[in-house]
Protein backbone atom coordinates (compact mmCIF):
# COMPACT_ATOMS: atom_id res chain seq x y z
CA UNK A 1 -33.84 -48.93 -34.23
CA UNK A 2 -32.86 -47.49 -37.58
CA UNK A 3 -31.46 -50.60 -39.27
CA UNK A 4 -30.74 -48.76 -42.49
CA UNK A 5 -28.41 -46.28 -40.80
CA UNK A 6 -26.98 -49.03 -38.64
CA UNK A 7 -26.17 -50.96 -41.80
CA UNK A 8 -24.51 -47.90 -43.30
CA UNK A 9 -22.45 -47.51 -40.14
CA UNK A 10 -21.47 -51.16 -40.28
CA UNK A 11 -20.28 -50.76 -43.87
CA UNK A 12 -18.19 -47.73 -42.87
CA UNK A 13 -16.71 -49.73 -40.04
CA UNK A 14 -15.79 -52.57 -42.37
CA UNK A 15 -14.24 -50.07 -44.77
CA UNK A 16 -12.20 -48.56 -41.92
CA UNK A 17 -13.94 -45.15 -41.80
CA UNK A 18 -15.08 -45.45 -38.14
CA UNK A 19 -13.44 -46.70 -34.99
CA UNK A 20 -16.31 -48.73 -33.56
CA UNK A 21 -20.05 -49.27 -33.50
CA UNK A 22 -20.22 -46.81 -30.58
CA UNK A 23 -19.51 -43.97 -32.99
CA UNK A 24 -23.04 -44.24 -34.32
CA UNK A 25 -24.57 -43.95 -30.85
CA UNK A 26 -22.31 -41.05 -29.86
CA UNK A 27 -23.10 -39.14 -33.01
CA UNK A 28 -26.80 -39.70 -32.51
CA UNK A 29 -26.69 -38.43 -28.92
CA UNK A 30 -24.61 -35.41 -29.95
CA UNK A 31 -27.09 -34.56 -32.71
CA UNK A 32 -30.06 -34.72 -30.30
CA UNK A 33 -28.25 -32.52 -27.77
CA UNK A 34 -27.46 -29.98 -30.45
CA UNK A 35 -31.11 -29.88 -31.56
CA UNK A 36 -32.34 -29.44 -27.95
CA UNK A 37 -29.81 -26.64 -27.33
CA UNK A 38 -30.96 -24.89 -30.50
CA UNK A 39 -34.61 -25.11 -29.39
CA UNK A 40 -33.73 -23.81 -25.92
CA UNK A 41 -31.65 -20.97 -27.38
CA UNK A 42 -34.50 -20.00 -29.68
CA UNK A 43 -37.04 -19.91 -26.86
CA UNK A 44 -34.98 -18.41 -24.01
CA UNK A 45 -31.91 -16.88 -25.73
CA UNK A 46 -33.04 -13.26 -25.46
CA UNK A 47 -33.86 -13.58 -21.75
CA UNK A 48 -30.53 -15.26 -21.04
CA UNK A 49 -28.65 -12.55 -22.94
CA UNK A 50 -30.52 -9.85 -21.02
CA UNK A 51 -29.59 -11.43 -17.67
CA UNK A 52 -25.95 -11.93 -18.65
CA UNK A 53 -25.66 -8.27 -19.62
CA UNK A 54 -26.30 -7.33 -16.00
CA UNK A 55 -22.96 -8.85 -14.99
CA UNK A 56 -19.31 -8.35 -15.80
CA UNK A 57 -17.59 -11.71 -15.61
CA UNK A 58 -13.89 -11.18 -14.90
CA UNK A 59 -11.05 -13.67 -14.56
CA UNK A 60 -7.56 -12.67 -13.40
CA UNK A 61 -5.31 -14.60 -15.77
CA UNK A 62 -1.94 -13.38 -14.44
CA UNK A 63 -0.13 -10.57 -12.63
CA UNK A 64 2.88 -8.73 -14.03
CA UNK A 65 5.21 -6.62 -11.87
CA UNK A 66 5.87 -3.20 -13.41
CA UNK A 67 7.96 -1.40 -10.80
CA UNK A 68 8.99 -1.66 -7.16
CA UNK A 69 10.08 0.91 -4.59
CA UNK A 70 11.79 0.00 -1.35
CA UNK A 71 13.88 -2.92 -0.04
CA UNK A 72 11.58 -5.76 -1.08
CA UNK A 73 12.97 -9.14 0.01
CA UNK A 74 11.67 -12.65 0.64
CA UNK A 75 9.86 -12.79 -1.73
CA UNK A 76 11.62 -10.48 -4.19
CA UNK A 77 9.43 -9.01 -6.92
CA UNK A 78 11.45 -8.14 -10.00
CA UNK A 79 9.99 -5.76 -12.62
CA UNK A 80 8.86 -7.82 -15.60
CA UNK A 81 8.17 -10.97 -13.58
CA UNK A 82 4.80 -12.65 -14.07
CA UNK A 83 2.84 -14.65 -11.51
CA UNK A 84 -0.51 -16.34 -11.15
CA UNK A 85 -2.96 -14.25 -9.14
CA UNK A 86 -3.02 -16.80 -6.31
CA UNK A 87 0.78 -17.02 -5.90
CA UNK A 88 1.36 -13.30 -6.15
CA UNK A 89 -1.37 -12.41 -3.63
CA UNK A 90 -0.01 -14.89 -1.11
CA UNK A 91 3.53 -13.52 -1.49
CA UNK A 92 2.25 -9.95 -1.33
CA UNK A 93 0.45 -10.51 1.97
CA UNK A 94 3.44 -12.31 3.42
CA UNK A 95 5.67 -9.36 2.50
CA UNK A 96 3.12 -6.91 3.89
CA UNK A 97 3.02 -8.74 7.22
CA UNK A 98 6.84 -8.73 7.46
CA UNK A 99 7.05 -5.04 6.59
CA UNK A 100 4.54 -4.18 9.29
CA UNK A 101 6.78 -5.93 11.84
CA UNK A 102 9.86 -4.06 10.58
CA UNK A 103 7.91 -0.79 10.16
CA UNK A 104 8.94 -0.50 6.51
CA UNK A 105 6.92 0.53 3.49
CA UNK A 106 7.37 -0.67 -0.08
CA UNK A 107 5.33 0.11 -3.16
CA UNK A 108 4.71 -2.27 -6.02
CA UNK A 109 3.04 -1.30 -9.30
CA UNK A 110 1.39 -4.24 -11.01
CA UNK A 111 -0.59 -4.96 -14.16
CA UNK A 112 -3.44 -7.46 -14.10
CA UNK A 113 -4.25 -9.41 -17.25
CA UNK A 114 -8.02 -9.86 -17.25
CA UNK A 115 -10.46 -11.84 -19.33
CA UNK A 116 -14.00 -10.40 -19.33
CA UNK A 117 -17.29 -11.31 -21.01
CA UNK A 118 -16.29 -9.96 -24.40
CA UNK A 119 -12.61 -9.09 -24.37
CA UNK A 120 -9.20 -9.31 -22.77
CA UNK A 121 -7.82 -6.22 -21.07
CA UNK A 122 -5.17 -5.03 -18.62
CA UNK A 123 -5.68 -3.18 -15.37
CA UNK A 124 -3.00 -1.34 -13.38
CA UNK A 125 -2.88 -0.78 -9.64
CA UNK A 126 -0.41 0.13 -6.90
CA UNK A 127 0.01 -1.92 -3.74
CA UNK A 128 1.42 -0.37 -0.56
CA UNK A 129 3.32 -3.14 1.20
CA UNK A 130 3.43 -2.57 4.94
CA UNK A 131 0.26 -0.53 5.25
CA UNK A 132 -2.06 -3.44 6.07
CA UNK A 133 -3.78 -6.23 4.14
CA UNK A 134 -6.50 -3.99 2.67
CA UNK A 135 -3.95 -1.86 0.82
CA UNK A 136 -2.63 -4.86 -1.12
CA UNK A 137 -5.81 -6.91 -1.49
CA UNK A 138 -5.93 -7.37 -5.28
CA UNK A 139 -9.35 -9.03 -5.35
CA UNK A 140 -10.98 -6.33 -3.23
CA UNK A 141 -9.37 -3.42 -5.08
CA UNK A 142 -10.30 -4.85 -8.47
CA UNK A 143 -13.90 -5.43 -7.39
CA UNK A 144 -14.21 -1.85 -6.10
CA UNK A 145 -12.55 -0.24 -9.14
CA UNK A 146 -14.62 -2.16 -11.71
CA UNK A 147 -17.92 -1.74 -9.93
CA UNK A 148 -20.38 0.38 -11.89
CA UNK A 149 -23.84 -0.10 -13.36
CA UNK A 150 -23.19 -3.79 -13.77
CA UNK A 151 -22.43 -6.25 -11.01
CA UNK A 152 -18.86 -7.55 -11.10
CA UNK A 153 -18.36 -11.28 -10.76
CA UNK A 154 -14.72 -12.36 -10.43
CA UNK A 155 -14.28 -15.97 -11.38
CA UNK A 156 -11.10 -16.42 -9.32
CA UNK A 157 -11.74 -17.36 -5.70
CA UNK A 158 -10.35 -14.77 -3.25
CA UNK A 159 -7.05 -15.79 -1.65
CA UNK A 160 -7.48 -16.30 2.09
CA UNK A 161 -5.38 -14.21 4.46
CA UNK A 162 -3.31 -16.79 6.36
CA UNK A 163 -1.88 -14.92 9.35
CA UNK A 164 -0.50 -18.07 11.02
CA UNK A 165 1.54 -18.82 7.90
CA UNK A 166 2.93 -15.28 7.81
CA UNK A 167 3.85 -15.47 11.49
CA UNK A 168 5.77 -18.66 10.77
CA UNK A 169 7.67 -16.94 7.93
CA UNK A 170 8.61 -14.10 10.28
CA UNK A 171 10.16 -16.66 12.65
CA UNK A 172 11.95 -18.49 9.82
CA UNK A 173 13.45 -15.27 8.44
CA UNK A 174 14.37 -14.04 11.93
CA UNK A 175 12.52 -10.76 11.45
CA UNK A 176 12.20 -8.60 14.54
CA UNK A 177 10.60 -5.27 15.29
CA UNK A 178 13.09 -2.38 15.47
CA UNK A 179 14.23 -1.47 18.96
CA UNK A 180 13.01 1.99 19.83
CA UNK A 181 14.50 4.25 22.39
CA UNK A 182 12.08 6.24 24.46
CA UNK A 183 11.99 9.64 22.71
CA UNK A 184 11.65 11.24 26.14
CA UNK A 185 15.20 10.24 27.07
CA UNK A 186 17.41 11.88 24.47
CA UNK A 187 16.18 15.49 24.79
CA UNK A 188 16.89 15.44 28.50
CA UNK A 189 20.45 14.14 28.20
CA UNK A 190 21.35 17.80 28.07
CA UNK A 191 20.07 20.39 30.54
CA UNK A 192 18.11 22.96 28.56
CA UNK A 193 16.84 24.94 31.56
CA UNK A 194 19.59 27.60 31.26
CA UNK A 195 19.01 28.22 27.57
CA UNK A 196 16.75 31.14 28.39
CA UNK A 197 19.79 33.17 29.47
CA UNK A 198 21.87 32.43 26.35
CA UNK A 199 22.19 34.92 23.55
CA UNK A 200 21.58 33.81 19.96
CA UNK A 201 25.35 33.99 19.31
CA UNK A 202 25.96 31.43 22.08
CA UNK A 203 23.96 28.72 20.31
CA UNK A 204 25.72 25.30 20.25
CA UNK A 205 25.50 22.09 18.30
CA UNK A 206 22.95 19.91 20.10
CA UNK A 207 20.74 22.78 21.23
CA UNK A 208 17.03 22.35 20.54
CA UNK A 209 15.02 25.24 19.14
CA UNK A 210 11.31 25.64 18.67
CA UNK A 211 8.97 27.76 16.65
CA UNK A 212 5.28 28.21 17.32
CA UNK A 213 2.68 28.79 14.63
CA UNK A 214 -1.01 29.18 14.13
CA UNK A 215 -3.51 32.05 14.07
CA UNK A 216 -6.49 30.61 15.89
CA UNK A 217 -4.49 27.48 16.82
CA UNK A 218 -1.16 26.86 18.55
CA UNK A 219 1.26 24.22 17.27
CA UNK A 220 5.00 23.64 17.65
CA UNK A 221 7.92 22.54 15.50
CA UNK A 222 11.24 21.48 17.05
CA UNK A 223 14.71 21.65 15.50
CA UNK A 224 18.10 20.41 16.64
CA UNK A 225 21.25 22.38 15.82
CA UNK A 226 23.51 19.97 13.89
CA UNK A 227 26.22 22.37 12.67
CA UNK A 228 27.46 25.89 13.46
CA UNK A 229 29.40 28.31 11.31
CA UNK A 230 30.66 31.74 12.28
CA UNK A 231 27.32 33.51 11.91
CA UNK A 232 24.90 30.74 10.87
CA UNK A 233 23.65 27.31 11.89
CA UNK A 234 22.23 24.17 10.27
CA UNK A 235 19.08 22.60 11.69
CA UNK A 236 17.31 19.26 11.63
CA UNK A 237 13.57 18.84 12.11
CA UNK A 238 13.18 16.29 14.92
CA UNK A 239 9.39 16.09 15.05
CA UNK A 240 6.84 16.49 17.82
CA UNK A 241 5.62 14.02 20.44
CA UNK A 242 2.33 14.57 22.26
CA UNK A 243 2.68 13.45 25.88
CA UNK A 244 -0.82 14.37 27.07
CA UNK A 245 -4.19 15.40 25.75
CA UNK A 246 -6.45 14.03 23.03
CA UNK A 247 -4.40 15.01 19.97
CA UNK A 248 -6.27 18.27 19.57
CA UNK A 249 -4.93 19.94 22.69
CA UNK A 250 -2.44 18.99 25.37
CA UNK A 251 1.30 18.96 26.05
CA UNK A 252 4.10 18.19 23.60
CA UNK A 253 7.90 17.83 23.53
CA UNK A 254 10.57 17.17 20.86
CA UNK A 255 10.27 13.64 19.49
CA UNK A 256 13.92 13.09 18.50
CA UNK A 257 12.65 11.45 15.33
CA UNK A 258 14.37 13.23 12.40
CA UNK A 259 11.95 14.21 9.64
CA UNK A 260 12.54 15.56 6.14
CA UNK A 261 11.72 19.26 5.96
CA UNK A 262 12.07 21.26 2.76
CA UNK A 263 12.46 24.47 4.75
CA UNK A 264 15.51 23.31 6.74
CA UNK A 265 17.26 20.45 4.89
CA UNK A 266 20.76 21.53 3.82
CA UNK A 267 20.15 25.22 4.54
CA UNK A 268 22.08 27.72 6.65
CA UNK A 269 20.19 30.04 9.01
CA UNK A 270 21.66 33.34 10.10
CA UNK A 271 22.10 33.67 13.87
CA UNK A 272 20.14 36.48 15.49
CA UNK A 273 17.03 38.21 14.24
CA UNK A 274 16.34 41.94 14.10
CA UNK A 275 12.88 41.68 15.68
CA UNK A 276 14.00 40.32 19.04
CA UNK A 277 17.12 39.65 21.06
CA UNK A 278 15.87 36.21 22.11
CA UNK A 279 15.28 35.00 18.56
CA UNK A 280 18.01 32.53 17.57
CA UNK A 281 17.05 32.38 13.88
CA UNK A 282 14.08 32.46 11.52
CA UNK A 283 12.65 29.47 9.61
CA UNK A 284 10.18 30.16 6.83
CA UNK A 285 9.23 33.49 8.40
CA UNK A 286 8.77 32.10 11.91
CA UNK A 287 11.05 33.02 14.80
CA UNK A 288 12.93 30.18 16.50
CA UNK A 289 13.74 30.28 20.22
CA UNK A 290 15.72 28.11 22.65
CA UNK A 291 13.69 25.24 24.09
CA UNK A 292 13.82 25.24 27.90
CA UNK A 293 13.32 21.51 28.39
CA UNK A 294 9.72 21.82 29.56
CA UNK A 295 6.62 20.48 27.76
CA UNK A 296 4.77 23.04 25.64
CA UNK A 297 1.01 23.50 25.39
CA UNK A 298 -0.56 23.04 21.96
CA UNK A 299 -4.14 23.59 20.80
CA UNK A 300 -5.35 22.58 17.32
CA UNK A 301 -9.00 23.44 17.93
CA UNK A 302 -9.83 26.10 15.36
């Protein structure tokens, strides 16, 4: 025992410069630890630095919402709001699960505030809510996007996907899948079998037209007449439903599922076409004919 230093410590204690005798012991231990660390750093510092340079250590400090598209509810992400990674990921997956049930899609642009080995930085990404858990898995996307020559180590633990919890939320919010009518029903409400005898001028609102395209392939587009003027009509693209085959070839009918179409939306099409008496109108250079109510054969094998 170093009585000289102990005596000095005692004098300091009596003079009120230290809190207790334990200060001496603590300081001594701290000094020894510092000396050992310095020796270790001197001997192995370069090797440690070399190993650390093989990794990118990343910590997600927080998540900031930049912009949202779509009817996001329960939870509601407001632009400018900030969340911890854990809370935001849990809410994001819950919203994604609900949107899948309702068949809705939202988009959420976020900014991650990251702390890495040497600096702080931000990282932007877009999450598609309703497209499945992988499309809004922040941890997975960040790991893939940062991966390069160095191995990425994310300090935050991945949030677990808790499907039972999301199912419970669906029940609590009373969310139900949309009721779908069989698309086979609506086209056949009307009898289209006599359309082959109608002239283009006899076209009516509710009639379904088709056009066929392809050079080495055969594919169909279906349109419903939604308005008629004196010498022109308005159409709506109602989509295609395959009722047989493997998706490459088979039979198809109108789907009665309105789709946006830049070639028909809001446009008027002149009735009749100079290249054939059976042509009702022309859409984007393709002749449109009356649909006869029977499935059509398609072939997408080139």
